[in-house]
């Protein structure tokens, strides 16, 4: 993620929208308070795109059907904008789980 994206809290990606027109789409960064919601949808790429762009699912589906490469470009941008935050969260979560595992596995 570049410094501008970090300061603004979002990135922009230019794609061809479902109507065939060029469009600048805002891709939001995940906020700490949204991490649980994001985890719930993270394996569903279309829901991730909807969540991070604020575009309706019909728009996301139409884009994926009419312009699959543009959809792919947008999906990649969603992950790129959030890569640093989500990666560091997963590292912290792994450490937290190790700590909990040690606590729960101690003899009483």
N, C-alpha and C. Protein backbone atom coordinates (compact mmCIF):
# COMPACT_ATOMS: atom_id res chain seq x y z
N UNK A 1 0.84 -1.17 0.00
CA UNK A 1 0.00 0.00 0.00
C UNK A 1 0.89 1.24 0.00
N UNK A 2 0.52 2.22 -0.78
CA UNK A 2 1.32 3.44 -0.82
C UNK A 2 0.89 4.40 0.30
N UNK A 3 1.71 5.42 0.52
CA UNK A 3 1.46 6.36 1.62
C UNK A 3 0.15 7.12 1.42
N UNK A 4 -0.17 7.46 0.19
CA UNK A 4 -1.40 8.20 -0.09
C UNK A 4 -2.62 7.38 0.32
N UNK A 5 -2.61 6.10 -0.02
CA UNK A 5 -3.71 5.21 0.35
C UNK A 5 -3.82 5.12 1.87
N UNK A 6 -2.69 4.99 2.54
CA UNK A 6 -2.68 4.90 4.00
C UNK A 6 -3.25 6.17 4.63
N UNK A 7 -2.91 7.30 4.10
CA UNK A 7 -3.40 8.58 4.65
C UNK A 7 -4.89 8.78 4.38
N UNK A 8 -5.33 8.43 3.19
CA UNK A 8 -6.73 8.64 2.83
C UNK A 8 -7.66 7.57 3.40
N UNK A 9 -7.14 6.37 3.60
CA UNK A 9 -7.98 5.27 4.08
C UNK A 9 -8.69 4.53 2.96
N UNK A 10 -8.27 4.80 1.74
CA UNK A 10 -8.83 4.11 0.58
C UNK A 10 -7.88 4.25 -0.61
N UNK A 11 -8.10 3.41 -1.59
CA UNK A 11 -7.37 3.51 -2.85
C UNK A 11 -8.38 3.66 -3.98
N UNK A 12 -7.90 4.05 -5.13
CA UNK A 12 -8.77 4.19 -6.30
C UNK A 12 -8.25 3.27 -7.40
N UNK A 13 -9.18 2.66 -8.12
CA UNK A 13 -8.80 1.83 -9.26
C UNK A 13 -9.73 2.18 -10.42
N UNK A 14 -9.14 2.34 -11.59
CA UNK A 14 -9.95 2.64 -12.77
C UNK A 14 -10.27 1.35 -13.49
N UNK A 15 -11.56 1.14 -13.71
CA UNK A 15 -12.03 -0.04 -14.43
C UNK A 15 -13.08 0.38 -15.45
N UNK A 16 -13.48 -0.56 -16.28
CA UNK A 16 -14.65 -0.38 -17.13
C UNK A 16 -15.82 -0.96 -16.35
N UNK A 17 -16.84 -0.14 -16.09
CA UNK A 17 -17.97 -0.59 -15.27
C UNK A 17 -18.93 -1.47 -16.08
N UNK A 18 -19.95 -2.04 -15.44
CA UNK A 18 -20.87 -2.93 -16.16
C UNK A 18 -21.60 -2.28 -17.33
N UNK A 19 -21.67 -0.95 -17.34
CA UNK A 19 -22.31 -0.24 -18.45
C UNK A 19 -21.33 0.02 -19.60
N UNK A 20 -20.07 -0.41 -19.42
CA UNK A 20 -19.07 -0.24 -20.47
C UNK A 20 -18.35 1.09 -20.44
N UNK A 21 -18.52 1.84 -19.35
CA UNK A 21 -17.90 3.16 -19.22
C UNK A 21 -16.73 3.10 -18.25
N UNK A 22 -15.69 3.91 -18.48
CA UNK A 22 -14.59 3.97 -17.51
C UNK A 22 -15.12 4.54 -16.18
N UNK A 23 -14.66 4.00 -15.08
CA UNK A 23 -15.08 4.47 -13.76
C UNK A 23 -13.95 4.33 -12.77
N UNK A 24 -13.77 5.34 -11.95
CA UNK A 24 -12.84 5.29 -10.83
C UNK A 24 -13.63 4.72 -9.65
N UNK A 25 -13.20 3.58 -9.13
CA UNK A 25 -13.89 2.93 -8.02
C UNK A 25 -13.05 3.08 -6.76
N UNK A 26 -13.70 3.52 -5.70
CA UNK A 26 -13.06 3.69 -4.40
C UNK A 26 -13.02 2.33 -3.70
N UNK A 27 -11.82 1.94 -3.24
CA UNK A 27 -11.63 0.69 -2.50
C UNK A 27 -11.20 1.07 -1.10
N UNK A 28 -12.07 0.81 -0.14
CA UNK A 28 -11.82 1.20 1.25
C UNK A 28 -10.87 0.25 1.95
N UNK A 29 -10.12 0.82 2.90
CA UNK A 29 -9.31 0.00 3.79
C UNK A 29 -10.21 -0.56 4.88
N UNK A 30 -9.87 -1.74 5.37
CA UNK A 30 -10.60 -2.34 6.48
C UNK A 30 -10.24 -1.57 7.74
N UNK A 31 -11.26 -1.22 8.50
CA UNK A 31 -11.03 -0.60 9.82
C UNK A 31 -10.95 -1.71 10.85
N UNK A 32 -10.26 -1.44 11.95
CA UNK A 32 -10.12 -2.45 13.01
C UNK A 32 -11.48 -2.96 13.47
N UNK A 33 -12.46 -2.08 13.53
CA UNK A 33 -13.79 -2.48 13.98
C UNK A 33 -14.53 -3.36 12.97
N UNK A 34 -14.01 -3.47 11.75
CA UNK A 34 -14.65 -4.27 10.70
C UNK A 34 -14.00 -5.64 10.50
N UNK A 35 -12.94 -5.94 11.23
CA UNK A 35 -12.17 -7.15 10.96
C UNK A 35 -13.01 -8.41 11.12
N UNK A 36 -13.87 -8.47 12.12
CA UNK A 36 -14.71 -9.65 12.32
C UNK A 36 -15.65 -9.84 11.12
N UNK A 37 -16.31 -8.76 10.70
CA UNK A 37 -17.20 -8.84 9.54
C UNK A 37 -16.43 -9.26 8.30
N UNK A 38 -15.23 -8.72 8.13
CA UNK A 38 -14.42 -9.07 6.96
C UNK A 38 -14.03 -10.55 6.98
N UNK A 39 -13.67 -11.05 8.15
CA UNK A 39 -13.30 -12.46 8.25
C UNK A 39 -14.46 -13.36 7.84
N UNK A 40 -15.68 -12.96 8.17
CA UNK A 40 -16.86 -13.78 7.86
C UNK A 40 -17.08 -13.92 6.36
N UNK A 41 -16.65 -12.93 5.60
CA UNK A 41 -16.89 -12.96 4.15
C UNK A 41 -15.64 -13.18 3.32
N UNK A 42 -14.49 -13.28 3.97
CA UNK A 42 -13.21 -13.25 3.25
C UNK A 42 -13.03 -14.35 2.21
N UNK A 43 -13.73 -15.48 2.34
CA UNK A 43 -13.59 -16.53 1.32
C UNK A 43 -14.53 -16.32 0.14
N UNK A 44 -15.42 -15.35 0.22
CA UNK A 44 -16.36 -15.04 -0.86
C UNK A 44 -15.90 -13.74 -1.53
N UNK A 45 -15.16 -13.89 -2.62
CA UNK A 45 -14.52 -12.74 -3.26
C UNK A 45 -15.53 -11.66 -3.66
N UNK A 46 -16.68 -12.05 -4.18
CA UNK A 46 -17.67 -11.06 -4.60
C UNK A 46 -18.17 -10.25 -3.40
N UNK A 47 -18.36 -10.90 -2.27
CA UNK A 47 -18.79 -10.18 -1.07
C UNK A 47 -17.70 -9.25 -0.56
N UNK A 48 -16.44 -9.66 -0.72
CA UNK A 48 -15.32 -8.78 -0.35
C UNK A 48 -15.34 -7.53 -1.21
N UNK A 49 -15.54 -7.70 -2.51
CA UNK A 49 -15.59 -6.55 -3.42
C UNK A 49 -16.77 -5.64 -3.03
N UNK A 50 -17.92 -6.23 -2.77
CA UNK A 50 -19.09 -5.45 -2.35
C UNK A 50 -18.80 -4.68 -1.05
N UNK A 51 -18.22 -5.38 -0.08
CA UNK A 51 -17.92 -4.82 1.24
C UNK A 51 -16.95 -3.65 1.16
N UNK A 52 -15.89 -3.81 0.36
CA UNK A 52 -14.83 -2.81 0.32
C UNK A 52 -15.09 -1.65 -0.64
N UNK A 53 -15.98 -1.86 -1.61
CA UNK A 53 -16.28 -0.79 -2.56
C UNK A 53 -17.61 -0.10 -2.28
N UNK A 54 -18.49 -0.78 -1.55
CA UNK A 54 -19.83 -0.23 -1.32
C UNK A 54 -20.74 -0.37 -2.53
N UNK A 55 -20.28 -1.08 -3.55
CA UNK A 55 -21.11 -1.30 -4.74
C UNK A 55 -22.13 -2.41 -4.44
N UNK A 56 -23.33 -2.31 -4.98
CA UNK A 56 -24.32 -3.37 -4.75
C UNK A 56 -23.90 -4.68 -5.41
N UNK A 57 -24.35 -5.80 -4.85
CA UNK A 57 -23.97 -7.11 -5.39
C UNK A 57 -24.37 -7.27 -6.85
N UNK A 58 -25.51 -6.71 -7.25
CA UNK A 58 -25.91 -6.80 -8.66
C UNK A 58 -24.86 -6.16 -9.56
N UNK A 59 -24.33 -5.02 -9.15
CA UNK A 59 -23.28 -4.34 -9.91
C UNK A 59 -22.05 -5.22 -9.99
N UNK A 60 -21.65 -5.81 -8.85
CA UNK A 60 -20.47 -6.69 -8.80
C UNK A 60 -20.68 -7.89 -9.72
N UNK A 61 -21.85 -8.53 -9.63
CA UNK A 61 -22.16 -9.68 -10.49
C UNK A 61 -22.17 -9.29 -11.97
N UNK A 62 -22.80 -8.16 -12.29
CA UNK A 62 -22.84 -7.71 -13.69
C UNK A 62 -21.43 -7.46 -14.22
N UNK A 63 -20.58 -6.86 -13.38
CA UNK A 63 -19.20 -6.61 -13.80
C UNK A 63 -18.49 -7.93 -14.07
N UNK A 64 -18.67 -8.90 -13.18
CA UNK A 64 -17.97 -10.19 -13.34
C UNK A 64 -18.44 -10.93 -14.60
N UNK A 65 -19.69 -10.76 -14.97
CA UNK A 65 -20.22 -11.44 -16.17
C UNK A 65 -19.85 -10.71 -17.46
N UNK A 66 -19.97 -9.39 -17.46
CA UNK A 66 -19.73 -8.61 -18.68
C UNK A 66 -18.26 -8.33 -18.93
N UNK A 67 -17.51 -8.09 -17.85
CA UNK A 67 -16.10 -7.72 -17.97
C UNK A 67 -15.28 -8.45 -16.90
N UNK A 68 -15.09 -9.77 -17.08
CA UNK A 68 -14.40 -10.55 -16.05
C UNK A 68 -12.99 -10.05 -15.72
N UNK A 69 -12.29 -9.52 -16.71
CA UNK A 69 -10.94 -9.01 -16.42
C UNK A 69 -11.00 -7.75 -15.56
N UNK A 70 -12.00 -6.93 -15.79
CA UNK A 70 -12.17 -5.73 -14.97
C UNK A 70 -12.56 -6.09 -13.54
N UNK A 71 -13.42 -7.10 -13.42
CA UNK A 71 -13.79 -7.61 -12.09
C UNK A 71 -12.54 -8.11 -11.37
N UNK A 72 -11.70 -8.87 -12.07
CA UNK A 72 -10.46 -9.38 -11.49
C UNK A 72 -9.54 -8.25 -11.04
N UNK A 73 -9.45 -7.23 -11.85
CA UNK A 73 -8.63 -6.06 -11.51
C UNK A 73 -9.14 -5.40 -10.23
N UNK A 74 -10.46 -5.29 -10.10
CA UNK A 74 -11.06 -4.68 -8.90
C UNK A 74 -10.86 -5.57 -7.68
N UNK A 75 -11.06 -6.88 -7.85
CA UNK A 75 -10.86 -7.81 -6.73
C UNK A 75 -9.42 -7.78 -6.24
N UNK A 76 -8.46 -7.73 -7.16
CA UNK A 76 -7.05 -7.64 -6.78
C UNK A 76 -6.75 -6.34 -6.05
N UNK A 77 -7.35 -5.25 -6.48
CA UNK A 77 -7.15 -3.97 -5.83
C UNK A 77 -7.70 -4.00 -4.40
N UNK A 78 -8.81 -4.68 -4.20
CA UNK A 78 -9.38 -4.80 -2.85
C UNK A 78 -8.39 -5.48 -1.90
N UNK A 79 -7.74 -6.51 -2.36
CA UNK A 79 -6.78 -7.21 -1.51
C UNK A 79 -5.49 -6.40 -1.36
N UNK A 80 -5.05 -5.75 -2.42
CA UNK A 80 -3.80 -4.97 -2.37
C UNK A 80 -3.93 -3.82 -1.37
N UNK A 81 -5.04 -3.11 -1.41
CA UNK A 81 -5.25 -1.97 -0.51
C UNK A 81 -5.23 -2.42 0.96
N UNK A 82 -5.65 -3.66 1.21
CA UNK A 82 -5.79 -4.15 2.58
C UNK A 82 -4.74 -5.18 2.99
N UNK A 83 -3.80 -5.45 2.13
CA UNK A 83 -2.80 -6.49 2.37
C UNK A 83 -1.99 -6.26 3.65
N UNK A 84 -1.48 -5.07 3.85
CA UNK A 84 -0.65 -4.78 5.03
C UNK A 84 -1.44 -4.96 6.32
N UNK A 85 -2.64 -4.39 6.38
CA UNK A 85 -3.46 -4.48 7.58
C UNK A 85 -3.84 -5.93 7.88
N UNK A 86 -4.35 -6.63 6.87
CA UNK A 86 -4.82 -7.99 7.10
C UNK A 86 -3.67 -8.93 7.43
N UNK A 87 -2.54 -8.74 6.78
CA UNK A 87 -1.36 -9.57 7.06
C UNK A 87 -0.89 -9.39 8.50
N UNK A 88 -0.81 -8.15 8.96
CA UNK A 88 -0.37 -7.92 10.34
C UNK A 88 -1.42 -8.43 11.33
N UNK A 89 -2.70 -8.31 10.99
CA UNK A 89 -3.74 -8.87 11.86
C UNK A 89 -3.59 -10.37 12.00
N UNK A 90 -3.35 -11.07 10.88
CA UNK A 90 -3.20 -12.52 10.94
C UNK A 90 -2.00 -12.94 11.77
N UNK A 91 -0.91 -12.19 11.69
CA UNK A 91 0.26 -12.48 12.52
C UNK A 91 -0.07 -12.31 14.00
N UNK A 92 -0.75 -11.22 14.33
CA UNK A 92 -1.14 -11.00 15.73
C UNK A 92 -2.10 -12.08 16.19
N UNK A 93 -3.02 -12.45 15.34
CA UNK A 93 -4.01 -13.47 15.69
C UNK A 93 -3.33 -14.82 15.91
N UNK A 94 -2.36 -15.15 15.09
CA UNK A 94 -1.63 -16.40 15.25
C UNK A 94 -0.90 -16.42 16.60
N UNK A 95 -0.28 -15.31 16.94
CA UNK A 95 0.41 -15.20 18.22
C UNK A 95 -0.57 -15.32 19.38
N UNK A 96 -1.72 -14.67 19.24
CA UNK A 96 -2.75 -14.73 20.27
C UNK A 96 -3.25 -16.16 20.46
N UNK A 97 -3.45 -16.87 19.36
CA UNK A 97 -3.91 -18.26 19.43
C UNK A 97 -2.87 -19.17 20.09
N UNK A 98 -1.59 -18.92 19.81
CA UNK A 98 -0.52 -19.69 20.46
C UNK A 98 -0.56 -19.47 21.96
N UNK A 99 -0.72 -18.22 22.37
CA UNK A 99 -0.79 -17.90 23.80
C UNK A 99 -1.98 -18.58 24.45
N UNK A 100 -3.14 -18.50 23.82
CA UNK A 100 -4.34 -19.15 24.36
C UNK A 100 -4.15 -20.66 24.44
N UNK A 101 -3.52 -21.22 23.44
CA UNK A 101 -3.28 -22.66 23.42
C UNK A 101 -2.41 -23.09 24.60
N UNK A 102 -1.36 -22.31 24.88
CA UNK A 102 -0.49 -22.60 26.02
C UNK A 102 -1.27 -22.52 27.32
N UNK A 103 -2.09 -21.51 27.46
CA UNK A 103 -2.89 -21.33 28.68
C UNK A 103 -3.85 -22.50 28.88
N UNK A 104 -4.55 -22.86 27.81
CA UNK A 104 -5.57 -23.92 27.90
C UNK A 104 -4.96 -25.31 28.08
N UNK A 105 -3.73 -25.48 27.65
CA UNK A 105 -3.09 -26.78 27.75
C UNK A 105 -2.27 -26.97 29.03
N UNK A 106 -2.24 -25.97 29.90
CA UNK A 106 -1.51 -26.08 31.15
C UNK A 106 -2.25 -27.03 32.09
N UNK A 107 -1.45 -27.74 32.86
CA UNK A 107 -2.03 -28.64 33.88
C UNK A 107 -2.60 -27.78 35.01
N UNK A 108 -3.72 -28.19 35.52
CA UNK A 108 -4.34 -27.47 36.63
C UNK A 108 -4.11 -28.23 37.91
